[in-house]
PDB file of N, CA and C in Angstrom:
ATOM      1  N   UNK A   1      46.668  11.864   9.399  1.00  0.00           N
ATOM      2  CA  UNK A   1      45.774  12.284  10.450  1.00  0.00           C
ATOM      3  C   UNK A   1      46.453  11.995  11.781  1.00  0.00           C
ATOM      4  N   UNK A   2      46.495  12.974  12.636  1.00  0.00           N
ATOM      5  CA  UNK A   2      47.139  12.838  13.938  1.00  0.00           C
ATOM      6  C   UNK A   2      46.216  12.150  14.922  1.00  0.00           C
ATOM      7  N   UNK A   3      46.820  11.500  15.896  1.00  0.00           N
ATOM      8  CA  UNK A   3      46.052  10.826  16.938  1.00  0.00           C
ATOM      9  C   UNK A   3      45.215  11.805  17.745  1.00  0.00           C
ATOM     10  N   UNK A   4      45.703  13.046  17.930  1.00  0.00           N
ATOM     11  CA  UNK A   4      44.971  14.009  18.751  1.00  0.00           C
ATOM     12  C   UNK A   4      43.684  14.476  18.083  1.00  0.00           C
ATOM     13  N   UNK A   5      43.582  14.343  16.759  1.00  0.00           N
ATOM     14  CA  UNK A   5      42.376  14.773  16.050  1.00  0.00           C
ATOM     15  C   UNK A   5      41.364  13.659  15.857  1.00  0.00           C
ATOM     16  N   UNK A   6      41.737  12.419  16.171  1.00  0.00           N
ATOM     17  CA  UNK A   6      40.820  11.293  15.968  1.00  0.00           C
ATOM     18  C   UNK A   6      39.566  11.419  16.814  1.00  0.00           C
ATOM     19  N   UNK A   7      39.644  11.986  17.986  1.00  0.00           N
ATOM     20  CA  UNK A   7      38.478  12.089  18.855  1.00  0.00           C
ATOM     21  C   UNK A   7      37.484  13.133  18.361  1.00  0.00           C
ATOM     22  N   UNK A   8      37.909  14.032  17.463  1.00  0.00           N
ATOM     23  CA  UNK A   8      37.034  15.063  16.935  1.00  0.00           C
ATOM     24  C   UNK A   8      36.157  14.567  15.786  1.00  0.00           C
ATOM     25  N   UNK A   9      36.392  13.376  15.299  1.00  0.00           N
ATOM     26  CA  UNK A   9      35.681  12.877  14.133  1.00  0.00           C
ATOM     27  C   UNK A   9      34.268  12.454  14.513  1.00  0.00           C
ATOM     28  N   UNK A  10      33.311  12.852  13.686  1.00  0.00           N
ATOM     29  CA  UNK A  10      31.929  12.445  13.916  1.00  0.00           C
ATOM     30  C   UNK A  10      31.569  11.234  13.066  1.00  0.00           C
ATOM     31  N   UNK A  11      32.350  10.972  12.035  1.00  0.00           N
ATOM     32  CA  UNK A  11      32.146   9.810  11.185  1.00  0.00           C
ATOM     33  C   UNK A  11      33.186   8.769  11.585  1.00  0.00           C
ATOM     34  N   UNK A  12      32.780   7.519  11.758  1.00  0.00           N
ATOM     35  CA  UNK A  12      33.779   6.502  12.110  1.00  0.00           C
ATOM     36  C   UNK A  12      34.717   6.249  10.931  1.00  0.00           C
ATOM     37  N   UNK A  13      36.005   6.175  11.215  1.00  0.00           N
ATOM     38  CA  UNK A  13      37.018   5.936  10.192  1.00  0.00           C
ATOM     39  C   UNK A  13      37.740   4.634  10.479  1.00  0.00           C
ATOM     40  N   UNK A  14      38.233   4.011   9.417  1.00  0.00           N
ATOM     41  CA  UNK A  14      39.000   2.781   9.515  1.00  0.00           C
ATOM     42  C   UNK A  14      40.369   3.061   8.889  1.00  0.00           C
ATOM     43  N   UNK A  15      41.415   2.631   9.570  1.00  0.00           N
ATOM     44  CA  UNK A  15      42.759   2.837   9.038  1.00  0.00           C
ATOM     45  C   UNK A  15      43.087   1.687   8.094  1.00  0.00           C
ATOM     46  N   UNK A  16      43.397   2.035   6.859  1.00  0.00           N
ATOM     47  CA  UNK A  16      43.783   1.066   5.844  1.00  0.00           C
ATOM     48  C   UNK A  16      45.157   1.484   5.360  1.00  0.00           C
ATOM     49  N   UNK A  17      46.167   0.747   5.756  1.00  0.00           N
ATOM     50  CA  UNK A  17      47.533   1.128   5.426  1.00  0.00           C
ATOM     51  C   UNK A  17      47.881   2.417   6.139  1.00  0.00           C
ATOM     52  N   UNK A  18      48.277   3.423   5.388  1.00  0.00           N
ATOM     53  CA  UNK A  18      48.608   4.731   5.948  1.00  0.00           C
ATOM     54  C   UNK A  18      47.439   5.710   5.883  1.00  0.00           C
ATOM     55  N   UNK A  19      46.287   5.266   5.436  1.00  0.00           N
ATOM     56  CA  UNK A  19      45.166   6.171   5.207  1.00  0.00           C
ATOM     57  C   UNK A  19      43.983   5.830   6.113  1.00  0.00           C
ATOM     58  N   UNK A  20      43.239   6.860   6.464  1.00  0.00           N
ATOM     59  CA  UNK A  20      41.978   6.688   7.170  1.00  0.00           C
ATOM     60  C   UNK A  20      40.843   6.855   6.167  1.00  0.00           C
ATOM     61  N   UNK A  21      40.000   5.845   6.066  1.00  0.00           N
ATOM     62  CA  UNK A  21      38.866   5.879   5.155  1.00  0.00           C
ATOM     63  C   UNK A  21      37.582   5.906   5.970  1.00  0.00           C
ATOM     64  N   UNK A  22      36.579   6.669   5.507  1.00  0.00           N
ATOM     65  CA  UNK A  22      35.323   6.710   6.256  1.00  0.00           C
ATOM     66  C   UNK A  22      34.629   5.350   6.222  1.00  0.00           C
ATOM     67  N   UNK A  23      34.127   4.943   7.350  1.00  0.00           N
ATOM     68  CA  UNK A  23      33.393   3.687   7.465  1.00  0.00           C
ATOM     69  C   UNK A  23      31.913   4.009   7.270  1.00  0.00           C
ATOM     70  N   UNK A  24      31.506   4.088   6.017  1.00  0.00           N
ATOM     71  CA  UNK A  24      30.151   4.510   5.673  1.00  0.00           C
ATOM     72  C   UNK A  24      29.318   3.296   5.296  1.00  0.00           C
ATOM     73  N   UNK A  25      28.126   3.235   5.827  1.00  0.00           N
ATOM     74  CA  UNK A  25      27.190   2.156   5.497  1.00  0.00           C
ATOM     75  C   UNK A  25      25.902   2.777   4.983  1.00  0.00           C
ATOM     76  N   UNK A  26      25.185   2.013   4.200  1.00  0.00           N
ATOM     77  CA  UNK A  26      23.900   2.494   3.705  1.00  0.00           C
ATOM     78  C   UNK A  26      22.914   2.599   4.856  1.00  0.00           C
ATOM     79  N   UNK A  27      22.012   3.579   4.803  1.00  0.00           N
ATOM     80  CA  UNK A  27      21.009   3.677   5.863  1.00  0.00           C
ATOM     81  C   UNK A  27      20.064   2.483   5.803  1.00  0.00           C
ATOM     82  N   UNK A  28      19.410   2.176   6.913  1.00  0.00           N
ATOM     83  CA  UNK A  28      18.470   1.052   6.888  1.00  0.00           C
ATOM     84  C   UNK A  28      17.362   1.306   5.870  1.00  0.00           C
ATOM     85  N   UNK A  29      16.856   0.232   5.314  1.00  0.00           N
ATOM     86  CA  UNK A  29      15.817   0.337   4.289  1.00  0.00           C
ATOM     87  C   UNK A  29      14.570   0.985   4.874  1.00  0.00           C
ATOM     88  N   UNK A  30      14.113   2.061   4.209  1.00  0.00           N
ATOM     89  CA  UNK A  30      12.935   2.783   4.689  1.00  0.00           C
ATOM     90  C   UNK A  30      11.709   2.488   3.832  1.00  0.00           C
ATOM     91  N   UNK A  31      11.858   1.610   2.863  1.00  0.00           N
ATOM     92  CA  UNK A  31      10.735   1.277   2.007  1.00  0.00           C
ATOM     93  C   UNK A  31      10.950   1.786   0.594  1.00  0.00           C
ATOM     94  N   UNK A  32       9.970   1.572  -0.210  1.00  0.00           N
ATOM     95  CA  UNK A  32      10.025   1.956  -1.611  1.00  0.00           C
ATOM     96  C   UNK A  32       9.822   3.459  -1.750  1.00  0.00           C
ATOM     97  N   UNK A  33      10.659   4.093  -2.575  1.00  0.00           N
ATOM     98  CA  UNK A  33      10.489   5.532  -2.789  1.00  0.00           C
ATOM     99  C   UNK A  33       9.414   5.816  -3.824  1.00  0.00           C
ATOM    100  N   UNK A  34       9.027   4.824  -4.589  1.00  0.00           N
ATOM    101  CA  UNK A  34       7.897   4.938  -5.504  1.00  0.00           C
ATOM    102  C   UNK A  34       8.112   5.866  -6.685  1.00  0.00           C
ATOM    103  N   UNK A  35       7.060   5.992  -7.468  1.00  0.00           N
ATOM    104  CA  UNK A  35       7.068   6.803  -8.687  1.00  0.00           C
ATOM    105  C   UNK A  35       7.375   8.262  -8.384  1.00  0.00           C
ATOM    106  N   UNK A  36       6.641   8.838  -7.444  1.00  0.00           N
ATOM    107  CA  UNK A  36       6.791  10.264  -7.151  1.00  0.00           C
ATOM    108  C   UNK A  36       8.124  10.549  -6.469  1.00  0.00           C
ATOM    109  N   UNK A  37       8.603   9.641  -5.650  1.00  0.00           N
ATOM    110  CA  UNK A  37       9.902   9.805  -5.016  1.00  0.00           C
ATOM    111  C   UNK A  37      11.030   9.815  -6.033  1.00  0.00           C
ATOM    112  N   UNK A  38      10.931   8.948  -7.048  1.00  0.00           N
ATOM    113  CA  UNK A  38      11.949   8.930  -8.104  1.00  0.00           C
ATOM    114  C   UNK A  38      11.919  10.221  -8.912  1.00  0.00           C
ATOM    115  N   UNK A  39      10.719  10.734  -9.185  1.00  0.00           N
ATOM    116  CA  UNK A  39      10.627  12.002  -9.928  1.00  0.00           C
ATOM    117  C   UNK A  39      11.231  13.156  -9.126  1.00  0.00           C
ATOM    118  N   UNK A  40      10.940  13.190  -7.826  1.00  0.00           N
ATOM    119  CA  UNK A  40      11.477  14.243  -6.967  1.00  0.00           C
ATOM    120  C   UNK A  40      12.995  14.136  -6.864  1.00  0.00           C
ATOM    121  N   UNK A  41      13.502  12.908  -6.768  1.00  0.00           N
ATOM    122  CA  UNK A  41      14.952  12.695  -6.696  1.00  0.00           C
ATOM    123  C   UNK A  41      15.634  13.212  -7.958  1.00  0.00           C
ATOM    124  N   UNK A  42      15.073  12.911  -9.119  1.00  0.00           N
ATOM    125  CA  UNK A  42      15.637  13.400 -10.379  1.00  0.00           C
ATOM    126  C   UNK A  42      15.625  14.923 -10.424  1.00  0.00           C
ATOM    127  N   UNK A  43      14.522  15.530  -9.973  1.00  0.00           N
ATOM    128  CA  UNK A  43      14.423  16.984  -9.971  1.00  0.00           C
ATOM    129  C   UNK A  43      15.465  17.591  -9.037  1.00  0.00           C
ATOM    130  N   UNK A  44      15.585  17.053  -7.836  1.00  0.00           N
ATOM    131  CA  UNK A  44      16.556  17.587  -6.880  1.00  0.00           C
ATOM    132  C   UNK A  44      17.978  17.443  -7.404  1.00  0.00           C
ATOM    133  N   UNK A  45      18.289  16.290  -7.968  1.00  0.00           N
ATOM    134  CA  UNK A  45      19.647  16.061  -8.478  1.00  0.00           C
ATOM    135  C   UNK A  45      19.988  17.057  -9.583  1.00  0.00           C
ATOM    136  N   UNK A  46      19.033  17.326 -10.446  1.00  0.00           N
ATOM    137  CA  UNK A  46      19.306  18.184 -11.604  1.00  0.00           C
ATOM    138  C   UNK A  46      19.182  19.674 -11.302  1.00  0.00           C
ATOM    139  N   UNK A  47      18.179  20.071 -10.507  1.00  0.00           N
ATOM    140  CA  UNK A  47      17.880  21.494 -10.326  1.00  0.00           C
ATOM    141  C   UNK A  47      18.180  22.038  -8.929  1.00  0.00           C
ATOM    142  N   UNK A  48      18.332  21.173  -7.951  1.00  0.00           N
ATOM    143  CA  UNK A  48      18.636  21.606  -6.580  1.00  0.00           C
ATOM    144  C   UNK A  48      19.778  20.754  -6.023  1.00  0.00           C
ATOM    145  N   UNK A  49      20.972  20.845  -6.637  1.00  0.00           N
ATOM    146  CA  UNK A  49      22.060  19.941  -6.241  1.00  0.00           C
ATOM    147  C   UNK A  49      22.520  20.124  -4.793  1.00  0.00           C
ATOM    148  N   UNK A  50      22.436  21.313  -4.252  1.00  0.00           N
ATOM    149  CA  UNK A  50      22.866  21.523  -2.871  1.00  0.00           C
ATOM    150  C   UNK A  50      21.934  20.789  -1.915  1.00  0.00           C
ATOM    151  N   UNK A  51      20.637  20.943  -2.114  1.00  0.00           N
ATOM    152  CA  UNK A  51      19.664  20.241  -1.278  1.00  0.00           C
ATOM    153  C   UNK A  51      19.827  18.733  -1.431  1.00  0.00           C
ATOM    154  N   UNK A  52      19.999  18.282  -2.657  1.00  0.00           N
ATOM    155  CA  UNK A  52      20.195  16.853  -2.912  1.00  0.00           C
ATOM    156  C   UNK A  52      21.414  16.332  -2.167  1.00  0.00           C
ATOM    157  N   UNK A  53      22.540  17.036  -2.268  1.00  0.00           N
ATOM    158  CA  UNK A  53      23.766  16.603  -1.590  1.00  0.00           C
ATOM    159  C   UNK A  53      23.623  16.626  -0.074  1.00  0.00           C
ATOM    160  N   UNK A  54      22.917  17.614   0.451  1.00  0.00           N
ATOM    161  CA  UNK A  54      22.699  17.654   1.898  1.00  0.00           C
ATOM    162  C   UNK A  54      21.903  16.447   2.365  1.00  0.00           C
ATOM    163  N   UNK A  55      20.873  16.085   1.610  1.00  0.00           N
ATOM    164  CA  UNK A  55      20.068  14.914   1.970  1.00  0.00           C
ATOM    165  C   UNK A  55      20.890  13.629   1.864  1.00  0.00           C
ATOM    166  N   UNK A  56      21.715  13.525   0.831  1.00  0.00           N
ATOM    167  CA  UNK A  56      22.543  12.332   0.661  1.00  0.00           C
ATOM    168  C   UNK A  56      23.552  12.224   1.801  1.00  0.00           C
ATOM    169  N   UNK A  57      24.247  13.318   2.082  1.00  0.00           N
ATOM    170  CA  UNK A  57      25.305  13.287   3.098  1.00  0.00           C
ATOM    171  C   UNK A  57      24.765  13.082   4.503  1.00  0.00           C
ATOM    172  N   UNK A  58      23.548  13.543   4.770  1.00  0.00           N
ATOM    173  CA  UNK A  58      22.961  13.348   6.095  1.00  0.00           C
ATOM    174  C   UNK A  58      22.319  11.960   6.231  1.00  0.00           C
ATOM    175  N   UNK A  59      22.206  11.233   5.116  1.00  0.00           N
ATOM    176  CA  UNK A  59      21.585   9.913   5.145  1.00  0.00           C
ATOM    177  C   UNK A  59      20.074   9.957   5.188  1.00  0.00           C
ATOM    178  N   UNK A  60      19.486  11.103   4.913  1.00  0.00           N
ATOM    179  CA  UNK A  60      18.039  11.281   5.001  1.00  0.00           C
ATOM    180  C   UNK A  60      17.324  11.208   3.643  1.00  0.00           C
ATOM    181  N   UNK A  61      18.056  11.003   2.566  1.00  0.00           N
ATOM    182  CA  UNK A  61      17.452  11.077   1.233  1.00  0.00           C
ATOM    183  C   UNK A  61      16.309  10.081   1.060  1.00  0.00           C
ATOM    184  N   UNK A  62      16.542   8.812   1.351  1.00  0.00           N
ATOM    185  CA  UNK A  62      15.518   7.807   1.091  1.00  0.00           C
ATOM    186  C   UNK A  62      14.338   7.947   2.036  1.00  0.00           C
ATOM    187  N   UNK A  63      14.575   8.357   3.248  1.00  0.00           N
ATOM    188  CA  UNK A  63      13.470   8.612   4.175  1.00  0.00           C
ATOM    189  C   UNK A  63      12.617   9.771   3.646  1.00  0.00           C
ATOM    190  N   UNK A  64      13.278  10.836   3.211  1.00  0.00           N
ATOM    191  CA  UNK A  64      12.577  11.986   2.640  1.00  0.00           C
ATOM    192  C   UNK A  64      11.776  11.580   1.409  1.00  0.00           C
ATOM    193  N   UNK A  65      12.391  10.807   0.507  1.00  0.00           N
ATOM    194  CA  UNK A  65      11.710  10.413  -0.727  1.00  0.00           C
ATOM    195  C   UNK A  65      10.541   9.474  -0.459  1.00  0.00           C
ATOM    196  N   UNK A  66      10.671   8.607   0.522  1.00  0.00           N
ATOM    197  CA  UNK A  66       9.575   7.711   0.878  1.00  0.00           C
ATOM    198  C   UNK A  66       8.383   8.503   1.406  1.00  0.00           C
ATOM    199  N   UNK A  67       8.640   9.454   2.291  1.00  0.00           N
ATOM    200  CA  UNK A  67       7.559  10.309   2.808  1.00  0.00           C
ATOM    201  C   UNK A  67       6.968  11.179   1.705  1.00  0.00           C
ATOM    202  N   UNK A  68       7.828  11.677   0.815  1.00  0.00           N
ATOM    203  CA  UNK A  68       7.371  12.496  -0.303  1.00  0.00           C
ATOM    204  C   UNK A  68       6.444  11.687  -1.204  1.00  0.00           C
ATOM    205  N   UNK A  69       6.828  10.446  -1.505  1.00  0.00           N
ATOM    206  CA  UNK A  69       5.997   9.590  -2.348  1.00  0.00           C
ATOM    207  C   UNK A  69       4.628   9.368  -1.720  1.00  0.00           C
ATOM    208  N   UNK A  70       4.606   9.139  -0.420  1.00  0.00           N
ATOM    209  CA  UNK A  70       3.338   8.929   0.285  1.00  0.00           C
ATOM    210  C   UNK A  70       2.465  10.179   0.203  1.00  0.00           C
ATOM    211  N   UNK A  71       3.051  11.346   0.431  1.00  0.00           N
ATOM    212  CA  UNK A  71       2.305  12.606   0.378  1.00  0.00           C
ATOM    213  C   UNK A  71       1.767  12.870  -1.029  1.00  0.00           C
ATOM    214  N   UNK A  72       2.607  12.662  -2.040  1.00  0.00           N
ATOM    215  CA  UNK A  72       2.189  12.915  -3.419  1.00  0.00           C
ATOM    216  C   UNK A  72       1.085  11.948  -3.850  1.00  0.00           C
ATOM    217  N   UNK A  73       1.185  10.700  -3.431  1.00  0.00           N
ATOM    218  CA  UNK A  73       0.154   9.716  -3.772  1.00  0.00           C
ATOM    219  C   UNK A  73      -1.181  10.090  -3.134  1.00  0.00           C
ATOM    220  N   UNK A  74      -1.139  10.500  -1.877  1.00  0.00           N
ATOM    221  CA  UNK A  74      -2.370  10.918  -1.206  1.00  0.00           C
ATOM    222  C   UNK A  74      -2.963  12.154  -1.875  1.00  0.00           C
ATOM    223  N   UNK A  75      -2.133  13.092  -2.268  1.00  0.00           N
ATOM    224  CA  UNK A  75      -2.607  14.306  -2.948  1.00  0.00           C
ATOM    225  C   UNK A  75      -3.244  13.944  -4.290  1.00  0.00           C
ATOM    226  N   UNK A  76      -2.611  13.042  -5.036  1.00  0.00           N
ATOM    227  CA  UNK A  76      -3.150  12.614  -6.322  1.00  0.00           C
ATOM    228  C   UNK A  76      -4.529  11.982  -6.153  1.00  0.00           C
ATOM    229  N   UNK A  77      -4.671  11.087  -5.188  1.00  0.00           N
ATOM    230  CA  UNK A  77      -5.951  10.424  -4.967  1.00  0.00           C
ATOM    231  C   UNK A  77      -7.037  11.411  -4.550  1.00  0.00           C
ATOM    232  N   UNK A  78      -6.683  12.369  -3.692  1.00  0.00           N
ATOM    233  CA  UNK A  78      -7.694  13.348  -3.278  1.00  0.00           C
ATOM    234  C   UNK A  78      -8.099  14.251  -4.447  1.00  0.00           C
ATOM    235  N   UNK A  79      -7.148  14.604  -5.305  1.00  0.00           N
ATOM    236  CA  UNK A  79      -7.487  15.402  -6.490  1.00  0.00           C
ATOM    237  C   UNK A  79      -8.403  14.634  -7.431  1.00  0.00           C
ATOM    238  N   UNK A  80      -8.100  13.365  -7.644  1.00  0.00           N
ATOM    239  CA  UNK A  80      -8.936  12.552  -8.535  1.00  0.00           C
ATOM    240  C   UNK A  80     -10.356  12.469  -8.000  1.00  0.00           C
ATOM    241  N   UNK A  81     -10.495  12.219  -6.701  1.00  0.00           N
ATOM    242  CA  UNK A  81     -11.839  12.131  -6.116  1.00  0.00           C
ATOM    243  C   UNK A  81     -12.590  13.460  -6.244  1.00  0.00           C
ATOM    244  N   UNK A  82     -11.910  14.569  -5.982  1.00  0.00           N
ATOM    245  CA  UNK A  82     -12.565  15.882  -6.079  1.00  0.00           C
ATOM    246  C   UNK A  82     -12.980  16.189  -7.516  1.00  0.00           C
ATOM    247  N   UNK A  83     -12.130  15.846  -8.475  1.00  0.00           N
ATOM    248  CA  UNK A  83     -12.453  16.101  -9.880  1.00  0.00           C
ATOM    249  C   UNK A  83     -13.591  15.208 -10.362  1.00  0.00           C
ATOM    250  N   UNK A  84     -13.640  13.968  -9.872  1.00  0.00           N
ATOM    251  CA  UNK A  84     -14.748  13.079 -10.232  1.00  0.00           C
ATOM    252  C   UNK A  84     -16.072  13.669  -9.770  1.00  0.00           C
ATOM    253  N   UNK A  85     -16.103  14.163  -8.557  1.00  0.00           N
ATOM    254  CA  UNK A  85     -17.334  14.754  -8.026  1.00  0.00           C
ATOM    255  C   UNK A  85     -17.689  16.016  -8.817  1.00  0.00           C
ATOM    256  N   UNK A  86     -16.693  16.869  -9.076  1.00  0.00           N
ATOM    257  CA  UNK A  86     -16.945  18.128  -9.780  1.00  0.00           C
ATOM    258  C   UNK A  86     -17.458  17.897 -11.203  1.00  0.00           C
ATOM    259  N   UNK A  87     -16.985  16.839 -11.860  1.00  0.00           N
ATOM    260  CA  UNK A  87     -17.382  16.582 -13.244  1.00  0.00           C
ATOM    261  C   UNK A  87     -18.531  15.586 -13.358  1.00  0.00           C
ATOM    262  N   UNK A  88     -18.998  15.095 -12.237  1.00  0.00           N
ATOM    263  CA  UNK A  88     -20.138  14.177 -12.254  1.00  0.00           C
ATOM    264  C   UNK A  88     -19.832  12.807 -12.805  1.00  0.00           C
ATOM    265  N   UNK A  89     -18.614  12.337 -12.630  1.00  0.00           N
ATOM    266  CA  UNK A  89     -18.234  11.006 -13.096  1.00  0.00           C
ATOM    267  C   UNK A  89     -18.620  10.004 -12.010  1.00  0.00           C
ATOM    268  N   UNK A  90     -19.577   9.141 -12.312  1.00  0.00           N
ATOM    269  CA  UNK A  90     -20.113   8.215 -11.320  1.00  0.00           C
ATOM    270  C   UNK A  90     -20.007   6.777 -11.813  1.00  0.00           C
ATOM    271  N   UNK A  91     -20.314   5.857 -10.927  1.00  0.00           N
ATOM    272  CA  UNK A  91     -20.363   4.443 -11.290  1.00  0.00           C
ATOM    273  C   UNK A  91     -21.519   4.176 -12.257  1.00  0.00           C
ATOM    274  N   UNK A  92     -22.546   4.995 -12.180  1.00  0.00           N
ATOM    275  CA  UNK A  92     -23.674   4.859 -13.093  1.00  0.00           C
ATOM    276  C   UNK A  92     -23.212   5.134 -14.528  1.00  0.00           C
ATOM    277  N   UNK A  93     -22.369   6.144 -14.710  1.00  0.00           N
ATOM    278  CA  UNK A  93     -21.815   6.430 -16.040  1.00  0.00           C
ATOM    279  C   UNK A  93     -20.939   5.271 -16.496  1.00  0.00           C
ATOM    280  N   UNK A  94     -20.195   4.690 -15.578  1.00  0.00           N
ATOM    281  CA  UNK A  94     -19.324   3.565 -15.905  1.00  0.00           C
ATOM    282  C   UNK A  94     -20.132   2.388 -16.440  1.00  0.00           C
ATOM    283  N   UNK A  95     -21.265   2.108 -15.817  1.00  0.00           N
ATOM    284  CA  UNK A  95     -22.082   0.980 -16.267  1.00  0.00           C
ATOM    285  C   UNK A  95     -22.846   1.306 -17.549  1.00  0.00           C
ATOM    286  N   UNK A  96     -23.178   2.580 -17.757  1.00  0.00           N
ATOM    287  CA  UNK A  96     -23.953   2.994 -18.927  1.00  0.00           C
ATOM    288  C   UNK A  96     -23.066   3.171 -20.160  1.00  0.00           C
ATOM    289  N   UNK A  97     -21.922   3.846 -20.017  1.00  0.00           N
ATOM    290  CA  UNK A  97     -21.055   4.149 -21.161  1.00  0.00           C
ATOM    291  C   UNK A  97     -19.598   4.043 -20.719  1.00  0.00           C
ATOM    292  N   UNK A  98     -19.050   2.836 -20.854  1.00  0.00           N
ATOM    293  CA  UNK A  98     -17.704   2.580 -20.354  1.00  0.00           C
ATOM    294  C   UNK A  98     -16.638   3.416 -21.054  1.00  0.00           C
ATOM    295  N   UNK A  99     -16.765   3.611 -22.332  1.00  0.00           N
ATOM    296  CA  UNK A  99     -15.748   4.373 -23.067  1.00  0.00           C
ATOM    297  C   UNK A  99     -15.734   5.837 -22.630  1.00  0.00           C
ATOM    298  N   UNK A 100     -16.879   6.412 -22.386  1.00  0.00           N
ATOM    299  CA  UNK A 100     -16.939   7.796 -21.902  1.00  0.00           C
ATOM    300  C   UNK A 100     -16.328   7.889 -20.506  1.00  0.00           C
ATOM    301  N   UNK A 101     -16.614   6.876 -19.674  1.00  0.00           N
ATOM    302  CA  UNK A 101     -16.071   6.863 -18.316  1.00  0.00           C
ATOM    303  C   UNK A 101     -14.539   6.744 -18.346  1.00  0.00           C
ATOM    304  N   UNK A 102     -14.024   5.844 -19.181  1.00  0.00           N
ATOM    305  CA  UNK A 102     -12.572   5.661 -19.288  1.00  0.00           C
ATOM    306  C   UNK A 102     -11.909   6.938 -19.792  1.00  0.00           C
ATOM    307  N   UNK A 103     -12.495   7.560 -20.803  1.00  0.00           N
ATOM    308  CA  UNK A 103     -11.943   8.809 -21.328  1.00  0.00           C
ATOM    309  C   UNK A 103     -11.925   9.908 -20.279  1.00  0.00           C
ATOM    310  N   UNK A 104     -13.021  10.029 -19.549  1.00  0.00           N
ATOM    311  CA  UNK A 104     -13.106  11.052 -18.502  1.00  0.00           C
ATOM    312  C   UNK A 104     -12.102  10.781 -17.387  1.00  0.00           C
ATOM    313  N   UNK A 105     -11.968   9.518 -16.983  1.00  0.00           N
ATOM    314  CA  UNK A 105     -11.028   9.177 -15.912  1.00  0.00           C
ATOM    315  C   UNK A 105      -9.581   9.380 -16.344  1.00  0.00           C
ATOM    316  N   UNK A 106      -9.261   9.050 -17.587  1.00  0.00           N
ATOM    317  CA  UNK A 106      -7.907   9.298 -18.088  1.00  0.00           C
ATOM    318  C   UNK A 106      -7.598  10.789 -18.089  1.00  0.00           C
ATOM    319  N   UNK A 107      -8.568  11.599 -18.485  1.00  0.00           N
ATOM    320  CA  UNK A 107      -8.395  13.043 -18.489  1.00  0.00           C
ATOM    321  C   UNK A 107      -8.208  13.576 -17.065  1.00  0.00           C
ATOM    322  N   UNK A 108      -9.018  13.094 -16.150  1.00  0.00           N
ATOM    323  CA  UNK A 108      -8.921  13.522 -14.749  1.00  0.00           C
ATOM    324  C   UNK A 108      -7.561  13.139 -14.176  1.00  0.00           C
ATOM    325  N   UNK A 109      -7.130  11.908 -14.427  1.00  0.00           N
ATOM    326  CA  UNK A 109      -5.841  11.457 -13.894  1.00  0.00           C
ATOM    327  C   UNK A 109      -4.685  12.281 -14.456  1.00  0.00           C
ATOM    328  N   UNK A 110      -4.724  12.563 -15.752  1.00  0.00           N
ATOM    329  CA  UNK A 110      -3.661  13.365 -16.362  1.00  0.00           C
ATOM    330  C   UNK A 110      -3.622  14.772 -15.761  1.00  0.00           C
ATOM    331  N   UNK A 111      -4.784  15.365 -15.568  1.00  0.00           N
ATOM    332  CA  UNK A 111      -4.840  16.703 -14.953  1.00  0.00           C
ATOM    333  C   UNK A 111      -4.334  16.675 -13.514  1.00  0.00           C
ATOM    334  N   UNK A 112      -4.734  15.656 -12.765  1.00  0.00           N
ATOM    335  CA  UNK A 112      -4.307  15.536 -11.368  1.00  0.00           C
ATOM    336  C   UNK A 112      -2.786  15.328 -11.282  1.00  0.00           C
ATOM    337  N   UNK A 113      -2.232  14.534 -12.190  1.00  0.00           N
ATOM    338  CA  UNK A 113      -0.781  14.322 -12.194  1.00  0.00           C
ATOM    339  C   UNK A 113      -0.035  15.621 -12.489  1.00  0.00           C
ATOM    340  N   UNK A 114      -0.548  16.409 -13.417  1.00  0.00           N
ATOM    341  CA  UNK A 114       0.094  17.696 -13.719  1.00  0.00           C
ATOM    342  C   UNK A 114       0.067  18.621 -12.507  1.00  0.00           C
ATOM    343  N   UNK A 115      -1.020  18.593 -11.759  1.00  0.00           N
ATOM    344  CA  UNK A 115      -1.113  19.417 -10.547  1.00  0.00           C
ATOM    345  C   UNK A 115      -0.103  18.947  -9.517  1.00  0.00           C
ATOM    346  N   UNK A 116       0.036  17.642  -9.329  1.00  0.00           N
ATOM    347  CA  UNK A 116       1.007  17.107  -8.373  1.00  0.00           C
ATOM    348  C   UNK A 116       2.431  17.474  -8.795  1.00  0.00           C
ATOM    349  N   UNK A 117       2.713  17.352 -10.081  1.00  0.00           N
ATOM    350  CA  UNK A 117       4.050  17.777 -10.561  1.00  0.00           C
ATOM    351  C   UNK A 117       4.293  19.245 -10.212  1.00  0.00           C
ATOM    352  N   UNK A 118       3.333  20.098 -10.524  1.00  0.00           N
ATOM    353  CA  UNK A 118       3.516  21.544 -10.316  1.00  0.00           C
ATOM    354  C   UNK A 118       3.573  21.916  -8.826  1.00  0.00           C
ATOM    355  N   UNK A 119       2.698  21.323  -8.010  1.00  0.00           N
ATOM    356  CA  UNK A 119       2.630  21.695  -6.597  1.00  0.00           C
ATOM    357  C   UNK A 119       3.708  21.055  -5.744  1.00  0.00           C
ATOM    358  N   UNK A 120       4.087  19.819  -6.051  1.00  0.00           N
ATOM    359  CA  UNK A 120       4.979  19.091  -5.150  1.00  0.00           C
ATOM    360  C   UNK A 120       6.340  18.771  -5.773  1.00  0.00           C
ATOM    361  N   UNK A 121       6.345  18.113  -6.917  1.00  0.00           N
ATOM    362  CA  UNK A 121       7.596  17.620  -7.463  1.00  0.00           C
ATOM    363  C   UNK A 121       8.528  18.755  -7.879  1.00  0.00           C
ATOM    364  N   UNK A 122       8.002  19.746  -8.578  1.00  0.00           N
ATOM    365  CA  UNK A 122       8.848  20.824  -9.097  1.00  0.00           C
ATOM    366  C   UNK A 122       8.875  22.043  -8.203  1.00  0.00           C
ATOM    367  N   UNK A 123       8.424  21.923  -6.976  1.00  0.00           N
ATOM    368  CA  UNK A 123       8.407  23.077  -6.059  1.00  0.00           C
ATOM    369  C   UNK A 123       9.711  23.153  -5.294  1.00  0.00           C
TER     370      UNK A 123
END
């Protein structure tokens, strides 16, 4: 690498022997990427490698995944609440017949998770 081209570099480089190596550091911790962030990361890595690489190279991957996890979690909770109201699952049912309530809630959660996968994770 010539001295005249060193000023054109946007990434800081360190000279080690005869070679210039990029001085790359991990981005600051943005928080936990969570369950949904990990699922989205796996999907991007496997099915959208260009987008995944762009996020990695720009240093925005973990920030994106953290925000994605927050959005997906909020969507899941709102779906669960809407489905509970639509199906009439109440605290009264919980106190009267716990097994029916647990079964209904498990079904609602599974349906809501499938919707989140389809709308957000695999989109």
